[in-house]
């Protein structure tokens, strides 16, 4: 019940659709309570008010020169065993899928042909909305949920894509942190920095710097050489604090632009 209440917590008069992402792989024990909650939500709301979109990989086996659909078929089969039948399939692949492969997956997985779409690897995540639009996923979802149709105005998004793919200059920004072995720990920070670059027609090249390397002046100078600015993100515990202070000291004394976040600001 707690999971279901969290799923529906964003419901409000000005909200048309709530999107809930359940990560992981079908069959993982960690995701089972969430999938069961999703099944119950559909039962409570009715199939006309709830839609399941399943994302699956269609791998290419280079030795056989063949795209394999079996992983998707098995994934859908396992979902059905949990009481969930996908209404649409988004097929990830490193190359464009032809219509015959889509038709095969549609038949074997019992999903409407219009609901089987290909999301091929893109140069940028910001290209994905247009890819899914070209595949017709938006129209299919709107139709299935009984929502009103509206013409799509791509003007602002096209402007963003122009900034993403054709920047006018580049900047190098160092992120000085303690979790750099796992860059996803700073994903929101890196995406925010890149978005700031897009707003200024700039491509941001992120350089990862371990905080421990900046504890001394010489270490900070070596690690922060040839960057245009630094970002000191948050962190927990005492490890790395001296290095963050050292990096900020180097930035202050050399006039290097610096942005401190959370602990980095303190």
Foldseek 3Di string as FASTA:
>chain_A
DVLLCVQCVPDDPPDDDGDDDQDDAQPDPVRLVVLLSLLVVCVVVDQLADAAEEEEEFEQDVVVRDTDDVRVLVRQVSSVVSVDQHQAYEYEYQDDDDLVVLVVCCVSSVYPSLRYFYQHDDPDPLCRVVRVVVSPNVVVVCVSNVHDDDDDDCVVSVLLVCLVPQAPEEFEEEEEEAPVVDVVVCVVVVVVVCVVQSVVSYGYHYDYHYLVQQLDLVSLCVRCPPGQAYEYEDDDDDPSLSSLVSNVVNCVVVVRHYHYYDSSVD
